Amino acid sequence: MPTVTRQARLLDLACLLFILTGIGMGYAASVRLQEISKLSYRHPGPRSESALTAADHARYLAYGGVALVVLGCVIGAGGAIQGARRKSA
């Protein structure tokens, strides 16, 4: 079994952290959108922020979460490919 370098382990850990953070951001956005969907004309929510603005913020949070998940996957795959090239050379 080949040995794994410390740099490869740290890269994998960082990628996992990116992916888990992205999933958490997506979940937070989902919960926020569920709260916003419960608002109505009689119960409009806080006066400081309209429901449309709050929904936009939750959508941006969800997009950020998806971007972090994709970034973590791309960096992890790139690191694995680079490690495989180094070992074959």
PDB file of N, CA and C in Angstrom:
ATOM      1  N   MET A   1       0.843  -1.168   0.000  1.00  0.00           N
ATOM      2  CA  MET A   1       0.000   0.000   0.000  1.00  0.00           C
ATOM      3  C   MET A   1       0.896   1.241   0.000  1.00  0.00           C
ATOM      4  N   PRO A   2       0.666   2.171  -0.922  1.00  0.00           N
ATOM      5  CA  PRO A   2       1.527   3.356  -0.988  1.00  0.00           C
ATOM      6  C   PRO A   2       1.269   4.292   0.191  1.00  0.00           C
ATOM      7  N   THR A   3       2.319   4.987   0.577  1.00  0.00           N
ATOM      8  CA  THR A   3       2.170   5.938   1.675  1.00  0.00           C
ATOM      9  C   THR A   3       1.580   7.234   1.153  1.00  0.00           C
ATOM     10  N   VAL A   4       0.821   7.874   1.994  1.00  0.00           N
ATOM     11  CA  VAL A   4       0.177   9.130   1.641  1.00  0.00           C
ATOM     12  C   VAL A   4       0.952  10.262   2.307  1.00  0.00           C
ATOM     13  N   THR A   5       1.244  11.291   1.540  1.00  0.00           N
ATOM     14  CA  THR A   5       2.009  12.406   2.085  1.00  0.00           C
ATOM     15  C   THR A   5       1.131  13.258   2.997  1.00  0.00           C
ATOM     16  N   ARG A   6       1.783  14.006   3.810  1.00  0.00           N
ATOM     17  CA  ARG A   6       1.052  14.898   4.723  1.00  0.00           C
ATOM     18  C   ARG A   6       0.318  15.977   3.933  1.00  0.00           C
ATOM     19  N   GLN A   7       0.949  16.462   2.877  1.00  0.00           N
ATOM     20  CA  GLN A   7       0.326  17.485   2.046  1.00  0.00           C
ATOM     21  C   GLN A   7      -0.963  16.963   1.402  1.00  0.00           C
ATOM     22  N   ALA A   8      -0.958  15.718   0.954  1.00  0.00           N
ATOM     23  CA  ALA A   8      -2.157  15.133   0.347  1.00  0.00           C
ATOM     24  C   ALA A   8      -3.274  14.984   1.380  1.00  0.00           C
ATOM     25  N   ARG A   9      -2.916  14.577   2.591  1.00  0.00           N
ATOM     26  CA  ARG A   9      -3.937  14.451   3.641  1.00  0.00           C
ATOM     27  C   ARG A   9      -4.532  15.806   3.993  1.00  0.00           C
ATOM     28  N   LEU A  10      -3.685  16.829   4.086  1.00  0.00           N
ATOM     29  CA  LEU A  10      -4.195  18.162   4.406  1.00  0.00           C
ATOM     30  C   LEU A  10      -5.060  18.712   3.281  1.00  0.00           C
ATOM     31  N   LEU A  11      -4.692  18.419   2.043  1.00  0.00           N
ATOM     32  CA  LEU A  11      -5.499  18.849   0.910  1.00  0.00           C
ATOM     33  C   LEU A  11      -6.867  18.173   0.946  1.00  0.00           C
ATOM     34  N   ASP A  12      -6.881  16.879   1.223  1.00  0.00           N
ATOM     35  CA  ASP A  12      -8.153  16.164   1.329  1.00  0.00           C
ATOM     36  C   ASP A  12      -9.004  16.703   2.471  1.00  0.00           C
ATOM     37  N   LEU A  13      -8.368  17.015   3.585  1.00  0.00           N
ATOM     38  CA  LEU A  13      -9.092  17.568   4.725  1.00  0.00           C
ATOM     39  C   LEU A  13      -9.675  18.945   4.403  1.00  0.00           C
ATOM     40  N   ALA A  14      -8.896  19.771   3.703  1.00  0.00           N
ATOM     41  CA  ALA A  14      -9.381  21.097   3.315  1.00  0.00           C
ATOM     42  C   ALA A  14     -10.554  20.980   2.340  1.00  0.00           C
ATOM     43  N   CYS A  15     -10.460  20.055   1.403  1.00  0.00           N
ATOM     44  CA  CYS A  15     -11.557  19.853   0.452  1.00  0.00           C
ATOM     45  C   CYS A  15     -12.820  19.379   1.171  1.00  0.00           C
ATOM     46  N   LEU A  16     -12.646  18.478   2.110  1.00  0.00           N
ATOM     47  CA  LEU A  16     -13.787  18.003   2.890  1.00  0.00           C
ATOM     48  C   LEU A  16     -14.414  19.146   3.686  1.00  0.00           C
ATOM     49  N   LEU A  17     -13.579  20.019   4.221  1.00  0.00           N
ATOM     50  CA  LEU A  17     -14.088  21.182   4.948  1.00  0.00           C
ATOM     51  C   LEU A  17     -14.883  22.108   4.036  1.00  0.00           C
ATOM     52  N   PHE A  18     -14.377  22.337   2.815  1.00  0.00           N
ATOM     53  CA  PHE A  18     -15.118  23.145   1.840  1.00  0.00           C
ATOM     54  C   PHE A  18     -16.476  22.518   1.541  1.00  0.00           C
ATOM     55  N   ILE A  19     -16.485  21.222   1.311  1.00  0.00           N
ATOM     56  CA  ILE A  19     -17.719  20.535   0.953  1.00  0.00           C
ATOM     57  C   ILE A  19     -18.723  20.576   2.110  1.00  0.00           C
ATOM     58  N   LEU A  20     -18.268  20.308   3.321  1.00  0.00           N
ATOM     59  CA  LEU A  20     -19.181  20.331   4.473  1.00  0.00           C
ATOM     60  C   LEU A  20     -19.696  21.736   4.764  1.00  0.00           C
ATOM     61  N   THR A  21     -18.853  22.739   4.593  1.00  0.00           N
ATOM     62  CA  THR A  21     -19.296  24.126   4.778  1.00  0.00           C
ATOM     63  C   THR A  21     -20.343  24.489   3.732  1.00  0.00           C
ATOM     64  N   GLY A  22     -20.122  24.070   2.497  1.00  0.00           N
ATOM     65  CA  GLY A  22     -21.100  24.326   1.442  1.00  0.00           C
ATOM     66  C   GLY A  22     -22.431  23.655   1.709  1.00  0.00           C
ATOM     67  N   ILE A  23     -22.376  22.426   2.200  1.00  0.00           N
ATOM     68  CA  ILE A  23     -23.617  21.720   2.538  1.00  0.00           C
ATOM     69  C   ILE A  23     -24.345  22.442   3.675  1.00  0.00           C
ATOM     70  N   GLY A  24     -23.592  22.902   4.659  1.00  0.00           N
ATOM     71  CA  GLY A  24     -24.193  23.655   5.764  1.00  0.00           C
ATOM     72  C   GLY A  24     -24.837  24.951   5.301  1.00  0.00           C
ATOM     73  N   MET A  25     -24.163  25.640   4.382  1.00  0.00           N
ATOM     74  CA  MET A  25     -24.737  26.880   3.844  1.00  0.00           C
ATOM     75  C   MET A  25     -26.014  26.598   3.058  1.00  0.00           C
ATOM     76  N   GLY A  26     -26.017  25.522   2.289  1.00  0.00           N
ATOM     77  CA  GLY A  26     -27.219  25.153   1.545  1.00  0.00           C
ATOM     78  C   GLY A  26     -28.373  24.790   2.467  1.00  0.00           C
ATOM     79  N   TYR A  27     -28.058  24.088   3.550  1.00  0.00           N
ATOM     80  CA  TYR A  27     -29.098  23.728   4.513  1.00  0.00           C
ATOM     81  C   TYR A  27     -29.649  24.977   5.213  1.00  0.00           C
ATOM     82  N   ALA A  28     -28.768  25.895   5.580  1.00  0.00           N
ATOM     83  CA  ALA A  28     -29.217  27.136   6.224  1.00  0.00           C
ATOM     84  C   ALA A  28     -30.112  27.938   5.284  1.00  0.00           C
ATOM     85  N   ALA A  29     -29.757  27.970   4.014  1.00  0.00           N
ATOM     86  CA  ALA A  29     -30.581  28.691   3.045  1.00  0.00           C
ATOM     87  C   ALA A  29     -31.941  28.022   2.885  1.00  0.00           C
ATOM     88  N   SER A  30     -31.955  26.688   2.901  1.00  0.00           N
ATOM     89  CA  SER A  30     -33.214  25.960   2.780  1.00  0.00           C
ATOM     90  C   SER A  30     -34.132  26.245   3.966  1.00  0.00           C
ATOM     91  N   VAL A  31     -33.561  26.251   5.155  1.00  0.00           N
ATOM     92  CA  VAL A  31     -34.361  26.550   6.356  1.00  0.00           C
ATOM     93  C   VAL A  31     -34.895  27.975   6.294  1.00  0.00           C
ATOM     94  N   ARG A  32     -34.067  28.897   5.847  1.00  0.00           N
ATOM     95  CA  ARG A  32     -34.491  30.300   5.754  1.00  0.00           C
ATOM     96  C   ARG A  32     -35.610  30.462   4.730  1.00  0.00           C
ATOM     97  N   LEU A  33     -35.509  29.772   3.598  1.00  0.00           N
ATOM     98  CA  LEU A  33     -36.557  29.860   2.583  1.00  0.00           C
ATOM     99  C   LEU A  33     -37.862  29.235   3.067  1.00  0.00           C
ATOM    100  N   GLN A  34     -37.778  28.178   3.889  1.00  0.00           N
ATOM    101  CA  GLN A  34     -38.994  27.603   4.461  1.00  0.00           C
ATOM    102  C   GLN A  34     -39.661  28.587   5.413  1.00  0.00           C
ATOM    103  N   GLU A  35     -38.846  29.324   6.188  1.00  0.00           N
ATOM    104  CA  GLU A  35     -39.410  30.334   7.085  1.00  0.00           C
ATOM    105  C   GLU A  35     -40.079  31.445   6.285  1.00  0.00           C
ATOM    106  N   ILE A  36     -39.448  31.841   5.200  1.00  0.00           N
ATOM    107  CA  ILE A  36     -39.997  32.928   4.379  1.00  0.00           C
ATOM    108  C   ILE A  36     -41.299  32.478   3.714  1.00  0.00           C
ATOM    109  N   SER A  37     -41.380  31.216   3.323  1.00  0.00           N
ATOM    110  CA  SER A  37     -42.590  30.733   2.657  1.00  0.00           C
ATOM    111  C   SER A  37     -43.794  30.729   3.594  1.00  0.00           C
ATOM    112  N   LYS A  38     -43.578  30.745   4.885  1.00  0.00           N
ATOM    113  CA  LYS A  38     -44.670  30.762   5.855  1.00  0.00           C
ATOM    114  C   LYS A  38     -45.243  32.160   6.078  1.00  0.00           C
ATOM    115  N   LEU A  39     -44.559  33.185   5.551  1.00  0.00           N
ATOM    116  CA  LEU A  39     -45.052  34.551   5.712  1.00  0.00           C
ATOM    117  C   LEU A  39     -46.273  34.769   4.834  1.00  0.00           C
ATOM    118  N   SER A  40     -47.149  35.666   5.256  1.00  0.00           N
ATOM    119  CA  SER A  40     -48.351  35.971   4.488  1.00  0.00           C
ATOM    120  C   SER A  40     -48.625  37.475   4.580  1.00  0.00           C
ATOM    121  N   TYR A  41     -49.728  37.877   3.964  1.00  0.00           N
ATOM    122  CA  TYR A  41     -50.098  39.287   4.003  1.00  0.00           C
ATOM    123  C   TYR A  41     -50.420  39.720   5.427  1.00  0.00           C
ATOM    124  N   ARG A  42     -51.048  38.852   6.187  1.00  0.00           N
ATOM    125  CA  ARG A  42     -51.406  39.197   7.565  1.00  0.00           C
ATOM    126  C   ARG A  42     -50.215  39.111   8.509  1.00  0.00           C
ATOM    127  N   HIS A  43     -49.269  38.250   8.194  1.00  0.00           N
ATOM    128  CA  HIS A  43     -48.063  38.095   9.002  1.00  0.00           C
ATOM    129  C   HIS A  43     -46.838  38.296   8.097  1.00  0.00           C
ATOM    130  N   PRO A  44     -46.513  39.543   7.803  1.00  0.00           N
ATOM    131  CA  PRO A  44     -45.467  39.812   6.806  1.00  0.00           C
ATOM    132  C   PRO A  44     -44.037  39.615   7.309  1.00  0.00           C
ATOM    133  N   GLY A  45     -43.851  39.410   8.573  1.00  0.00           N
ATOM    134  CA  GLY A  45     -42.492  39.245   9.093  1.00  0.00           C
ATOM    135  C   GLY A  45     -41.941  40.569   9.612  1.00  0.00           C
ATOM    136  N   PRO A  46     -40.648  40.630   9.836  1.00  0.00           N
ATOM    137  CA  PRO A  46     -40.058  41.850  10.399  1.00  0.00           C
ATOM    138  C   PRO A  46     -40.121  43.015   9.413  1.00  0.00           C
ATOM    139  N   ARG A  47     -40.237  44.213   9.964  1.00  0.00           N
ATOM    140  CA  ARG A  47     -40.316  45.408   9.120  1.00  0.00           C
ATOM    141  C   ARG A  47     -38.960  45.799   8.531  1.00  0.00           C
ATOM    142  N   SER A  48     -37.903  45.322   9.134  1.00  0.00           N
ATOM    143  CA  SER A  48     -36.574  45.741   8.699  1.00  0.00           C
ATOM    144  C   SER A  48     -36.191  45.164   7.335  1.00  0.00           C
ATOM    145  N   GLU A  49     -36.800  44.043   6.938  1.00  0.00           N
ATOM    146  CA  GLU A  49     -36.429  43.403   5.682  1.00  0.00           C
ATOM    147  C   GLU A  49     -37.665  42.800   5.030  1.00  0.00           C
ATOM    148  N   SER A  50     -37.851  43.073   3.748  1.00  0.00           N
ATOM    149  CA  SER A  50     -39.005  42.509   3.061  1.00  0.00           C
ATOM    150  C   SER A  50     -38.750  41.033   2.770  1.00  0.00           C
ATOM    151  N   ALA A  51     -39.813  40.308   2.506  1.00  0.00           N
ATOM    152  CA  ALA A  51     -39.696  38.880   2.220  1.00  0.00           C
ATOM    153  C   ALA A  51     -38.925  38.642   0.925  1.00  0.00           C
ATOM    154  N   LEU A  52     -39.089  39.527  -0.044  1.00  0.00           N
ATOM    155  CA  LEU A  52     -38.376  39.386  -1.307  1.00  0.00           C
ATOM    156  C   LEU A  52     -36.870  39.570  -1.124  1.00  0.00           C
ATOM    157  N   THR A  53     -36.487  40.541  -0.330  1.00  0.00           N
ATOM    158  CA  THR A  53     -35.061  40.758  -0.061  1.00  0.00           C
ATOM    159  C   THR A  53     -34.487  39.594   0.739  1.00  0.00           C
ATOM    160  N   ALA A  54     -35.230  39.102   1.712  1.00  0.00           N
ATOM    161  CA  ALA A  54     -34.770  37.961   2.506  1.00  0.00           C
ATOM    162  C   ALA A  54     -34.628  36.721   1.627  1.00  0.00           C
ATOM    163  N   ALA A  55     -35.547  36.516   0.692  1.00  0.00           N
ATOM    164  CA  ALA A  55     -35.451  35.378  -0.216  1.00  0.00           C
ATOM    165  C   ALA A  55     -34.235  35.506  -1.125  1.00  0.00           C
ATOM    166  N   ASP A  56     -33.945  36.725  -1.577  1.00  0.00           N
ATOM    167  CA  ASP A  56     -32.746  36.944  -2.391  1.00  0.00           C
ATOM    168  C   ASP A  56     -31.479  36.612  -1.611  1.00  0.00           C
ATOM    169  N   HIS A  57     -31.424  37.017  -0.369  1.00  0.00           N
ATOM    170  CA  HIS A  57     -30.253  36.730   0.467  1.00  0.00           C
ATOM    171  C   HIS A  57     -30.104  35.225   0.692  1.00  0.00           C
ATOM    172  N   ALA A  58     -31.219  34.534   0.920  1.00  0.00           N
ATOM    173  CA  ALA A  58     -31.168  33.091   1.108  1.00  0.00           C
ATOM    174  C   ALA A  58     -30.736  32.395  -0.181  1.00  0.00           C
ATOM    175  N   ARG A  59     -31.179  32.908  -1.312  1.00  0.00           N
ATOM    176  CA  ARG A  59     -30.778  32.323  -2.596  1.00  0.00           C
ATOM    177  C   ARG A  59     -29.281  32.509  -2.830  1.00  0.00           C
ATOM    178  N   TYR A  60     -28.759  33.691  -2.509  1.00  0.00           N
ATOM    179  CA  TYR A  60     -27.320  33.938  -2.651  1.00  0.00           C
ATOM    180  C   TYR A  60     -26.518  33.028  -1.714  1.00  0.00           C
ATOM    181  N   LEU A  61     -27.041  32.792  -0.526  1.00  0.00           N
ATOM    182  CA  LEU A  61     -26.389  31.883   0.413  1.00  0.00           C
ATOM    183  C   LEU A  61     -26.360  30.462  -0.152  1.00  0.00           C
ATOM    184  N   ALA A  62     -27.453  30.052  -0.772  1.00  0.00           N
ATOM    185  CA  ALA A  62     -27.499  28.727  -1.385  1.00  0.00           C
ATOM    186  C   ALA A  62     -26.517  28.630  -2.543  1.00  0.00           C
ATOM    187  N   TYR A  63     -26.434  29.665  -3.369  1.00  0.00           N
ATOM    188  CA  TYR A  63     -25.471  29.669  -4.479  1.00  0.00           C
ATOM    189  C   TYR A  63     -24.040  29.596  -3.959  1.00  0.00           C
ATOM    190  N   GLY A  64     -23.762  30.301  -2.880  1.00  0.00           N
ATOM    191  CA  GLY A  64     -22.434  30.233  -2.278  1.00  0.00           C
ATOM    192  C   GLY A  64     -22.117  28.839  -1.769  1.00  0.00           C
ATOM    193  N   GLY A  65     -23.113  28.171  -1.198  1.00  0.00           N
ATOM    194  CA  GLY A  65     -22.924  26.807  -0.733  1.00  0.00           C
ATOM    195  C   GLY A  65     -22.621  25.858  -1.871  1.00  0.00           C
ATOM    196  N   VAL A  66     -23.355  25.992  -2.966  1.00  0.00           N
ATOM    197  CA  VAL A  66     -23.104  25.146  -4.134  1.00  0.00           C
ATOM    198  C   VAL A  66     -21.708  25.416  -4.692  1.00  0.00           C
ATOM    199  N   ALA A  67     -21.314  26.682  -4.727  1.00  0.00           N
ATOM    200  CA  ALA A  67     -19.982  27.034  -5.231  1.00  0.00           C
ATOM    201  C   ALA A  67     -18.884  26.419  -4.357  1.00  0.00           C
ATOM    202  N   LEU A  68     -19.072  26.422  -3.042  1.00  0.00           N
ATOM    203  CA  LEU A  68     -18.071  25.813  -2.163  1.00  0.00           C
ATOM    204  C   LEU A  68     -17.989  24.297  -2.355  1.00  0.00           C
ATOM    205  N   VAL A  69     -19.121  23.651  -2.556  1.00  0.00           N
ATOM    206  CA  VAL A  69     -19.106  22.206  -2.785  1.00  0.00           C
ATOM    207  C   VAL A  69     -18.371  21.892  -4.091  1.00  0.00           C
ATOM    208  N   VAL A  70     -18.686  22.631  -5.144  1.00  0.00           N
ATOM    209  CA  VAL A  70     -18.018  22.407  -6.429  1.00  0.00           C
ATOM    210  C   VAL A  70     -16.528  22.701  -6.319  1.00  0.00           C
ATOM    211  N   LEU A  71     -16.176  23.776  -5.634  1.00  0.00           N
ATOM    212  CA  LEU A  71     -14.768  24.124  -5.460  1.00  0.00           C
ATOM    213  C   LEU A  71     -14.017  23.026  -4.702  1.00  0.00           C
ATOM    214  N   GLY A  72     -14.615  22.505  -3.656  1.00  0.00           N
ATOM    215  CA  GLY A  72     -13.991  21.421  -2.906  1.00  0.00           C
ATOM    216  C   GLY A  72     -13.793  20.176  -3.751  1.00  0.00           C
ATOM    217  N   CYS A  73     -14.782  19.846  -4.580  1.00  0.00           N
ATOM    218  CA  CYS A  73     -14.657  18.672  -5.452  1.00  0.00           C
ATOM    219  C   CYS A  73     -13.584  18.885  -6.513  1.00  0.00           C
ATOM    220  N   VAL A  74     -13.538  20.064  -7.107  1.00  0.00           N
ATOM    221  CA  VAL A  74     -12.550  20.340  -8.154  1.00  0.00           C
ATOM    222  C   VAL A  74     -11.135  20.317  -7.578  1.00  0.00           C
ATOM    223  N   ILE A  75     -10.945  20.949  -6.443  1.00  0.00           N
ATOM    224  CA  ILE A  75      -9.615  20.972  -5.837  1.00  0.00           C
ATOM    225  C   ILE A  75      -9.196  19.562  -5.412  1.00  0.00           C
ATOM    226  N   GLY A  76     -10.116  18.805  -4.848  1.00  0.00           N
ATOM    227  CA  GLY A  76      -9.804  17.432  -4.445  1.00  0.00           C
ATOM    228  C   GLY A  76      -9.447  16.552  -5.628  1.00  0.00           C
ATOM    229  N   ALA A  77     -10.216  16.656  -6.708  1.00  0.00           N
ATOM    230  CA  ALA A  77      -9.925  15.855  -7.899  1.00  0.00           C
ATOM    231  C   ALA A  77      -8.602  16.293  -8.526  1.00  0.00           C
ATOM    232  N   GLY A  78      -8.371  17.603  -8.571  1.00  0.00           N
ATOM    233  CA  GLY A  78      -7.102  18.093  -9.115  1.00  0.00           C
ATOM    234  C   GLY A  78      -5.911  17.623  -8.301  1.00  0.00           C
ATOM    235  N   GLY A  79      -6.049  17.630  -6.998  1.00  0.00           N
ATOM    236  CA  GLY A  79      -4.976  17.143  -6.132  1.00  0.00           C
ATOM    237  C   GLY A  79      -4.715  15.655  -6.311  1.00  0.00           C
ATOM    238  N   ALA A  80      -5.788  14.890  -6.498  1.00  0.00           N
ATOM    239  CA  ALA A  80      -5.624  13.452  -6.715  1.00  0.00           C
ATOM    240  C   ALA A  80      -4.950  13.170  -8.050  1.00  0.00           C
ATOM    241  N   ILE A  81      -5.329  13.906  -9.081  1.00  0.00           N
ATOM    242  CA  ILE A  81      -4.706  13.728 -10.397  1.00  0.00           C
ATOM    243  C   ILE A  81      -3.238  14.111 -10.341  1.00  0.00           C
ATOM    244  N   GLN A  82      -2.933  15.220  -9.676  1.00  0.00           N
ATOM    245  CA  GLN A  82      -1.549  15.668  -9.564  1.00  0.00           C
ATOM    246  C   GLN A  82      -0.708  14.647  -8.758  1.00  0.00           C
ATOM    247  N   GLY A  83      -1.280  14.094  -7.716  1.00  0.00           N
ATOM    248  CA  GLY A  83      -0.570  13.079  -6.935  1.00  0.00           C
ATOM    249  C   GLY A  83      -0.323  11.813  -7.727  1.00  0.00           C
ATOM    250  N   ALA A  84      -1.300  11.425  -8.548  1.00  0.00           N
ATOM    251  CA  ALA A  84      -1.127  10.229  -9.383  1.00  0.00           C
ATOM    252  C   ALA A  84      -0.060  10.461 -10.446  1.00  0.00           C
ATOM    253  N   ARG A  85       0.011  11.662 -10.993  1.00  0.00           N
ATOM    254  CA  ARG A  85       1.043  11.970 -11.999  1.00  0.00           C
ATOM    255  C   ARG A  85       2.437  11.943 -11.379  1.00  0.00           C
ATOM    256  N   ARG A  86       2.540  12.440 -10.150  1.00  0.00           N
ATOM    257  CA  ARG A  86       3.852  12.461  -9.480  1.00  0.00           C
ATOM    258  C   ARG A  86       4.340  11.037  -9.203  1.00  0.00           C
ATOM    259  N   LYS A  87       3.418  10.168  -8.802  1.00  0.00           N
ATOM    260  CA  LYS A  87       3.812   8.800  -8.479  1.00  0.00           C
ATOM    261  C   LYS A  87       4.181   8.006  -9.712  1.00  0.00           C
ATOM    262  N   SER A  88       3.531   8.304 -10.859  1.00  0.00           N
ATOM    263  CA  SER A  88       3.842   7.566 -12.067  1.00  0.00           C
ATOM    264  C   SER A  88       5.149   8.025 -12.714  1.00  0.00           C
ATOM    265  N   ALA A  89       5.565   9.235 -12.409  1.00  0.00           N
ATOM    266  CA  ALA A  89       6.796   9.755 -13.022  1.00  0.00           C
ATOM    267  C   ALA A  89       8.046   9.336 -12.300  1.00  0.00           C
TER     268      ALA A  89
END
